[in-house]
Amino acid sequence: MHEDHDDHANAGGDEDQGHVRSAADEDILATYYHSQKDRIFVRAIQGEYNLGEELKRLRSMPRVRKARELKFVDGPQAYSRHYIEPKDGITQTFHLHLEEWGPGGRSQKHGHVNEAAFYILDGAGYEIHDNIRYDWEAGDIAIVHNNCVHQHFNASESEPARALVIKTKPMYLFMNMLFQKTVEPRQTQAAPGGAGFRVREQEDNLNHPEEGY
């Protein structure tokens, strides 16, 4: 389902545009993952022509990462747990991360050249892509297409929502498709209904019911 929805595209936007961020807000924003000024998008590869040492290094890297050892960053409306990206020294062409939106939460509003796929693990919400709304719920896959300005919203004011995200941003940037921009940064205050929410750090096995089949 999708519909033109300019008012949703600006959900919360009027408040942001009319509100001058305080020094405290700016200090918080400076700590966010998406505000990093030294973020590594593509990992350097160097060495002798046959890259023997690089191959040896790659083969020594772990093939399983424990989610419980990785912590969420940002908040209080949108949280991210970055499972794998080029800076980790394992992959080069894709970025995999978990997103969690607190009750009533929304992500930053931004755009980039690469596509992205969001597998919705729980909750219900919607996307705004170039002023068009697309609703989703647990079990759906939301696709962010190339070159669109987009934002993700949790539709519930009482429950969180989660999505596993995979994108080939590093490969696009490696090919000098460099355009990307933040239109509205992540929020520094909890949404109404989200005060006191704590991101779900603990990983539970939700694949099978505890009582069995």
C-alpha atoms as a PDB file:
ATOM      1  CA  MET A   1       0.000   0.000   0.000  1.00  0.00           C
ATOM      2  CA  HIS A   2       1.180   3.479  -0.764  1.00  0.00           C
ATOM      3  CA  GLU A   3      -0.287   6.926  -0.999  1.00  0.00           C
ATOM      4  CA  ASP A   4       0.763  10.506  -1.548  1.00  0.00           C
ATOM      5  CA  HIS A   5       1.077  12.016   1.877  1.00  0.00           C
ATOM      6  CA  ASP A   6       2.889  15.317   2.086  1.00  0.00           C
ATOM      7  CA  ASP A   7       1.743  15.884   5.680  1.00  0.00           C
ATOM      8  CA  HIS A   8       3.321  12.615   6.806  1.00  0.00           C
ATOM      9  CA  ALA A   9       6.467  13.478   4.904  1.00  0.00           C
ATOM     10  CA  ASN A  10       6.773  16.443   7.225  1.00  0.00           C
ATOM     11  CA  ALA A  11       5.699  14.607  10.374  1.00  0.00           C
ATOM     12  CA  GLY A  12       7.549  16.340  13.109  1.00  0.00           C
ATOM     13  CA  GLY A  13       9.266  18.447  10.482  1.00  0.00           C
ATOM     14  CA  ASP A  14       7.521  21.723  11.269  1.00  0.00           C
ATOM     15  CA  GLU A  15       8.643  21.434  14.870  1.00  0.00           C
ATOM     16  CA  ASP A  16      12.221  20.801  13.760  1.00  0.00           C
ATOM     17  CA  GLN A  17      12.226  23.633  11.259  1.00  0.00           C
ATOM     18  CA  GLY A  18      10.795  26.080  13.778  1.00  0.00           C
ATOM     19  CA  HIS A  19      12.963  24.962  16.641  1.00  0.00           C
ATOM     20  CA  VAL A  20      16.514  26.183  17.107  1.00  0.00           C
ATOM     21  CA  ARG A  21      18.517  23.315  18.535  1.00  0.00           C
ATOM     22  CA  SER A  22      20.133  24.025  21.870  1.00  0.00           C
ATOM     23  CA  ALA A  23      23.825  23.593  22.550  1.00  0.00           C
ATOM     24  CA  ALA A  24      22.910  20.463  24.524  1.00  0.00           C
ATOM     25  CA  ASP A  25      21.048  19.065  21.485  1.00  0.00           C
ATOM     26  CA  GLU A  26      24.048  19.756  19.280  1.00  0.00           C
ATOM     27  CA  ASP A  27      26.349  18.017  21.764  1.00  0.00           C
ATOM     28  CA  ILE A  28      24.106  14.937  21.708  1.00  0.00           C
ATOM     29  CA  LEU A  29      23.906  14.941  17.906  1.00  0.00           C
ATOM     30  CA  ALA A  30      27.694  15.080  17.702  1.00  0.00           C
ATOM     31  CA  THR A  31      27.864  11.679  19.442  1.00  0.00           C
ATOM     32  CA  TYR A  32      25.502   9.960  16.993  1.00  0.00           C
ATOM     33  CA  TYR A  33      26.795   7.395  14.535  1.00  0.00           C
ATOM     34  CA  HIS A  34      25.497   9.333  11.528  1.00  0.00           C
ATOM     35  CA  SER A  35      27.276  12.484  12.738  1.00  0.00           C
ATOM     36  CA  GLN A  36      30.740  10.916  12.689  1.00  0.00           C
ATOM     37  CA  LYS A  37      33.182  12.972  10.648  1.00  0.00           C
ATOM     38  CA  ASP A  38      35.710  10.139  10.315  1.00  0.00           C
ATOM     39  CA  ARG A  39      33.347   7.309   9.376  1.00  0.00           C
ATOM     40  CA  ILE A  40      34.894   4.608   7.179  1.00  0.00           C
ATOM     41  CA  PHE A  41      32.617   3.831   4.221  1.00  0.00           C
ATOM     42  CA  VAL A  42      35.105   1.791   2.165  1.00  0.00           C
ATOM     43  CA  ARG A  43      38.071  -0.024   3.670  1.00  0.00           C
ATOM     44  CA  ALA A  44      41.538   0.520   2.211  1.00  0.00           C
ATOM     45  CA  ILE A  45      43.302  -2.480   0.687  1.00  0.00           C
ATOM     46  CA  GLN A  46      47.037  -2.339   0.248  1.00  0.00           C
ATOM     47  CA  GLY A  47      49.997  -4.660  -0.067  1.00  0.00           C
ATOM     48  CA  GLU A  48      51.998  -6.525  -2.672  1.00  0.00           C
ATOM     49  CA  TYR A  49      50.330  -7.297  -6.005  1.00  0.00           C
ATOM     50  CA  ASN A  50      49.198 -10.821  -5.124  1.00  0.00           C
ATOM     51  CA  LEU A  51      47.678  -9.515  -1.868  1.00  0.00           C
ATOM     52  CA  GLY A  52      48.780 -12.670  -0.107  1.00  0.00           C
ATOM     53  CA  GLU A  53      48.914 -11.034   3.314  1.00  0.00           C
ATOM     54  CA  GLU A  54      45.473  -9.504   2.851  1.00  0.00           C
ATOM     55  CA  LEU A  55      44.009 -12.882   1.886  1.00  0.00           C
ATOM     56  CA  LYS A  56      45.679 -14.468   4.893  1.00  0.00           C
ATOM     57  CA  ARG A  57      44.242 -11.768   7.144  1.00  0.00           C
ATOM     58  CA  LEU A  58      40.742 -12.201   5.708  1.00  0.00           C
ATOM     59  CA  ARG A  59      40.827 -15.964   6.207  1.00  0.00           C
ATOM     60  CA  SER A  60      41.785 -15.462   9.845  1.00  0.00           C
ATOM     61  CA  MET A  61      38.744 -13.294  10.592  1.00  0.00           C
ATOM     62  CA  PRO A  62      35.785 -14.764  12.521  1.00  0.00           C
ATOM     63  CA  ARG A  63      32.822 -15.874  10.442  1.00  0.00           C
ATOM     64  CA  VAL A  64      30.305 -15.580  13.283  1.00  0.00           C
ATOM     65  CA  ARG A  65      29.696 -12.395  15.230  1.00  0.00           C
ATOM     66  CA  LYS A  66      27.865 -12.498  18.544  1.00  0.00           C
ATOM     67  CA  ALA A  67      25.078  -9.935  18.562  1.00  0.00           C
ATOM     68  CA  ARG A  68      25.142  -9.767  22.349  1.00  0.00           C
ATOM     69  CA  GLU A  69      28.678  -8.381  22.145  1.00  0.00           C
ATOM     70  CA  LEU A  70      27.522  -5.440  19.988  1.00  0.00           C
ATOM     71  CA  LYS A  71      25.655  -2.547  21.548  1.00  0.00           C
ATOM     72  CA  PHE A  72      23.032  -0.235  20.099  1.00  0.00           C
ATOM     73  CA  VAL A  73      24.026   3.356  19.428  1.00  0.00           C
ATOM     74  CA  ASP A  74      22.074   6.627  19.221  1.00  0.00           C
ATOM     75  CA  GLY A  75      18.471   6.976  20.426  1.00  0.00           C
ATOM     76  CA  PRO A  76      16.169   7.978  22.062  1.00  0.00           C
ATOM     77  CA  GLN A  77      13.814   7.514  19.083  1.00  0.00           C
ATOM     78  CA  ALA A  78      16.002   5.556  16.638  1.00  0.00           C
ATOM     79  CA  TYR A  79      18.684   3.083  17.670  1.00  0.00           C
ATOM     80  CA  SER A  80      21.162   1.128  15.506  1.00  0.00           C
ATOM     81  CA  ARG A  81      23.260  -1.977  16.078  1.00  0.00           C
ATOM     82  CA  HIS A  82      25.852  -2.324  13.333  1.00  0.00           C
ATOM     83  CA  TYR A  83      26.594  -6.006  12.786  1.00  0.00           C
ATOM     84  CA  ILE A  84      29.057  -5.703   9.947  1.00  0.00           C
ATOM     85  CA  GLU A  85      30.495  -2.915   7.786  1.00  0.00           C
ATOM     86  CA  PRO A  86      33.783  -2.369   5.942  1.00  0.00           C
ATOM     87  CA  LYS A  87      35.596  -0.855   8.930  1.00  0.00           C
ATOM     88  CA  ASP A  88      35.336  -4.230  10.685  1.00  0.00           C
ATOM     89  CA  GLY A  89      37.800  -5.676   8.194  1.00  0.00           C
ATOM     90  CA  ILE A  90      35.624  -8.574   7.055  1.00  0.00           C
ATOM     91  CA  THR A  91      33.304  -7.372   4.291  1.00  0.00           C
ATOM     92  CA  GLN A  92      33.760  -4.686   1.688  1.00  0.00           C
ATOM     93  CA  THR A  93      30.566  -4.520  -0.379  1.00  0.00           C
ATOM     94  CA  PHE A  94      27.669  -4.475   2.095  1.00  0.00           C
ATOM     95  CA  HIS A  95      26.540  -3.084   5.449  1.00  0.00           C
ATOM     96  CA  LEU A  96      24.238  -5.037   7.789  1.00  0.00           C
ATOM     97  CA  HIS A  97      22.578  -3.448  10.801  1.00  0.00           C
ATOM     98  CA  LEU A  98      19.581  -3.720  13.121  1.00  0.00           C
ATOM     99  CA  GLU A  99      17.293  -0.737  13.610  1.00  0.00           C
ATOM    100  CA  GLU A 100      14.981  -0.282  16.584  1.00  0.00           C
ATOM    101  CA  TRP A 101      12.500   2.572  16.853  1.00  0.00           C
ATOM    102  CA  GLY A 102      11.090   3.460  20.243  1.00  0.00           C
ATOM    103  CA  PRO A 103       7.362   4.127  20.694  1.00  0.00           C
ATOM    104  CA  GLY A 104       6.386   6.911  18.309  1.00  0.00           C
ATOM    105  CA  GLY A 105       9.968   7.093  17.100  1.00  0.00           C
ATOM    106  CA  ARG A 106      11.298   8.081  13.717  1.00  0.00           C
ATOM    107  CA  SER A 107      14.654   7.940  11.978  1.00  0.00           C
ATOM    108  CA  GLN A 108      16.674  10.708  10.451  1.00  0.00           C
ATOM    109  CA  LYS A 109      15.402  11.977   7.090  1.00  0.00           C
ATOM    110  CA  HIS A 110      18.030  11.442   4.413  1.00  0.00           C
ATOM    111  CA  GLY A 111      18.837  10.293   0.916  1.00  0.00           C
ATOM    112  CA  HIS A 112      21.522   8.235  -0.828  1.00  0.00           C
ATOM    113  CA  VAL A 113      22.241   6.580  -4.164  1.00  0.00           C
ATOM    114  CA  ASN A 114      22.236   2.978  -2.946  1.00  0.00           C
ATOM    115  CA  GLU A 115      19.219   0.757  -2.370  1.00  0.00           C
ATOM    116  CA  ALA A 116      18.406  -0.796   1.017  1.00  0.00           C
ATOM    117  CA  ALA A 117      16.136  -3.621   2.198  1.00  0.00           C
ATOM    118  CA  PHE A 118      14.430  -3.552   5.608  1.00  0.00           C
ATOM    119  CA  TYR A 119      13.116  -6.885   6.888  1.00  0.00           C
ATOM    120  CA  ILE A 120      10.556  -5.946   9.546  1.00  0.00           C
ATOM    121  CA  LEU A 121      11.071  -8.160  12.595  1.00  0.00           C
ATOM    122  CA  ASP A 122       8.349  -6.750  14.815  1.00  0.00           C
ATOM    123  CA  GLY A 123       6.025  -3.809  15.202  1.00  0.00           C
ATOM    124  CA  ALA A 124       4.170  -1.734  12.632  1.00  0.00           C
ATOM    125  CA  GLY A 125       5.045   1.526  10.953  1.00  0.00           C
ATOM    126  CA  TYR A 126       5.575   3.219   7.659  1.00  0.00           C
ATOM    127  CA  GLU A 127       8.075   4.787   5.275  1.00  0.00           C
ATOM    128  CA  ILE A 128       7.975   8.140   3.540  1.00  0.00           C
ATOM    129  CA  HIS A 129       9.812   7.950   0.201  1.00  0.00           C
ATOM    130  CA  ASP A 130       9.785  11.186  -1.814  1.00  0.00           C
ATOM    131  CA  ASN A 131       6.531  12.247  -0.080  1.00  0.00           C
ATOM    132  CA  ILE A 132       4.805   8.881  -0.652  1.00  0.00           C
ATOM    133  CA  ARG A 133       3.762   6.786   2.342  1.00  0.00           C
ATOM    134  CA  TYR A 134       4.257   2.996   2.453  1.00  0.00           C
ATOM    135  CA  ASP A 135       2.874   1.089   5.452  1.00  0.00           C
ATOM    136  CA  TRP A 136       4.558  -2.025   6.858  1.00  0.00           C
ATOM    137  CA  GLU A 137       4.240  -4.571   9.661  1.00  0.00           C
ATOM    138  CA  ALA A 138       6.199  -7.523  11.030  1.00  0.00           C
ATOM    139  CA  GLY A 139       7.109  -9.988   8.281  1.00  0.00           C
ATOM    140  CA  ASP A 140       7.159  -7.373   5.516  1.00  0.00           C
ATOM    141  CA  ILE A 141      10.185  -6.213   3.547  1.00  0.00           C
ATOM    142  CA  ALA A 142      10.451  -2.489   2.883  1.00  0.00           C
ATOM    143  CA  ILE A 143      12.616  -1.477  -0.064  1.00  0.00           C
ATOM    144  CA  VAL A 144      14.319   1.904  -0.236  1.00  0.00           C
ATOM    145  CA  HIS A 145      14.917   2.582  -3.913  1.00  0.00           C
ATOM    146  CA  ASN A 146      17.828   4.476  -5.417  1.00  0.00           C
ATOM    147  CA  ASN A 147      18.077   8.242  -5.060  1.00  0.00           C
ATOM    148  CA  CYS A 148      15.037   8.902  -2.906  1.00  0.00           C
ATOM    149  CA  VAL A 149      14.687  11.031   0.215  1.00  0.00           C
ATOM    150  CA  HIS A 150      13.241   8.797   2.893  1.00  0.00           C
ATOM    151  CA  GLN A 151      12.423   8.414   6.569  1.00  0.00           C
ATOM    152  CA  HIS A 152      11.207   5.532   8.742  1.00  0.00           C
ATOM    153  CA  PHE A 153       8.417   5.818  11.325  1.00  0.00           C
ATOM    154  CA  ASN A 154       7.109   3.612  14.138  1.00  0.00           C
ATOM    155  CA  ALA A 155       3.312   3.932  14.005  1.00  0.00           C
ATOM    156  CA  SER A 156       2.770   2.779  17.599  1.00  0.00           C
ATOM    157  CA  GLU A 157       2.998   5.201  20.514  1.00  0.00           C
ATOM    158  CA  SER A 158       3.280   2.345  23.020  1.00  0.00           C
ATOM    159  CA  GLU A 159       5.381  -0.419  21.376  1.00  0.00           C
ATOM    160  CA  PRO A 160       8.808  -0.472  19.694  1.00  0.00           C
ATOM    161  CA  ALA A 161       9.497  -1.720  16.167  1.00  0.00           C
ATOM    162  CA  ARG A 162      12.527  -3.478  14.674  1.00  0.00           C
ATOM    163  CA  ALA A 163      14.020  -4.082  11.239  1.00  0.00           C
ATOM    164  CA  LEU A 164      17.109  -5.877   9.941  1.00  0.00           C
ATOM    165  CA  VAL A 165      18.733  -3.788   7.210  1.00  0.00           C
ATOM    166  CA  ILE A 166      21.099  -4.841   4.441  1.00  0.00           C
ATOM    167  CA  LYS A 167      22.483  -2.392   1.913  1.00  0.00           C
ATOM    168  CA  THR A 168      25.259  -2.233  -0.631  1.00  0.00           C
ATOM    169  CA  LYS A 169      26.264   1.336   0.203  1.00  0.00           C
ATOM    170  CA  PRO A 170      30.020   0.507   0.315  1.00  0.00           C
ATOM    171  CA  MET A 171      29.952  -0.861  -3.225  1.00  0.00           C
ATOM    172  CA  TYR A 172      28.160   2.214  -4.564  1.00  0.00           C
ATOM    173  CA  LEU A 173      30.621   4.541  -2.841  1.00  0.00           C
ATOM    174  CA  PHE A 174      33.550   2.466  -4.124  1.00  0.00           C
ATOM    175  CA  MET A 175      32.254   3.227  -7.621  1.00  0.00           C
ATOM    176  CA  ASN A 176      32.221   6.976  -6.809  1.00  0.00           C
ATOM    177  CA  MET A 177      28.421   7.213  -6.555  1.00  0.00           C
ATOM    178  CA  LEU A 178      28.973   9.551  -3.650  1.00  0.00           C
ATOM    179  CA  PHE A 179      25.799  11.612  -3.302  1.00  0.00           C
ATOM    180  CA  GLN A 180      24.127  11.284   0.104  1.00  0.00           C
ATOM    181  CA  LYS A 181      22.759  13.869   2.474  1.00  0.00           C
ATOM    182  CA  THR A 182      20.991  14.184   5.826  1.00  0.00           C
ATOM    183  CA  VAL A 183      17.932  16.431   5.559  1.00  0.00           C
ATOM    184  CA  GLU A 184      16.827  16.068   9.188  1.00  0.00           C
ATOM    185  CA  PRO A 185      19.075  14.462  11.819  1.00  0.00           C
ATOM    186  CA  ARG A 186      17.985  11.924  14.388  1.00  0.00           C
ATOM    187  CA  GLN A 187      15.990  13.276  17.288  1.00  0.00           C
ATOM    188  CA  THR A 188      17.597  14.052  20.641  1.00  0.00           C
ATOM    189  CA  GLN A 189      14.363  13.846  22.663  1.00  0.00           C
ATOM    190  CA  ALA A 190      11.993  10.898  23.090  1.00  0.00           C
ATOM    191  CA  ALA A 191       8.718  10.964  21.179  1.00  0.00           C
ATOM    192  CA  PRO A 192       5.445  11.325  23.104  1.00  0.00           C
ATOM    193  CA  GLY A 193       4.808   7.899  24.606  1.00  0.00           C
ATOM    194  CA  GLY A 194       8.470   6.947  24.319  1.00  0.00           C
ATOM    195  CA  ALA A 195       9.763   8.552  27.502  1.00  0.00           C
ATOM    196  CA  GLY A 196      11.504   5.945  29.623  1.00  0.00           C
ATOM    197  CA  PHE A 197      11.795   3.420  26.773  1.00  0.00           C
ATOM    198  CA  ARG A 198      14.956   1.333  26.888  1.00  0.00           C
ATOM    199  CA  VAL A 199      16.266  -0.248  23.708  1.00  0.00           C
ATOM    200  CA  ARG A 200      16.119  -4.065  23.749  1.00  0.00           C
ATOM    201  CA  GLU A 201      19.784  -4.976  24.017  1.00  0.00           C
ATOM    202  CA  GLN A 202      19.137  -8.596  24.944  1.00  0.00           C
ATOM    203  CA  GLU A 203      18.849 -10.983  22.008  1.00  0.00           C
ATOM    204  CA  ASP A 204      16.098 -13.565  22.442  1.00  0.00           C
ATOM    205  CA  ASN A 205      15.426 -16.578  20.263  1.00  0.00           C
ATOM    206  CA  LEU A 206      12.116 -15.598  18.718  1.00  0.00           C
ATOM    207  CA  ASN A 207      12.247 -18.183  15.943  1.00  0.00           C
ATOM    208  CA  HIS A 208      10.457 -20.891  17.926  1.00  0.00           C
ATOM    209  CA  PRO A 209       7.755 -20.726  20.633  1.00  0.00           C
ATOM    210  CA  GLU A 210       9.020 -21.552  24.134  1.00  0.00           C
ATOM    211  CA  GLU A 211       6.233 -24.079  24.637  1.00  0.00           C
ATOM    212  CA  GLY A 212       7.231 -25.987  21.499  1.00  0.00           C
ATOM    213  CA  TYR A 213       5.028 -27.019  18.618  1.00  0.00           C
END
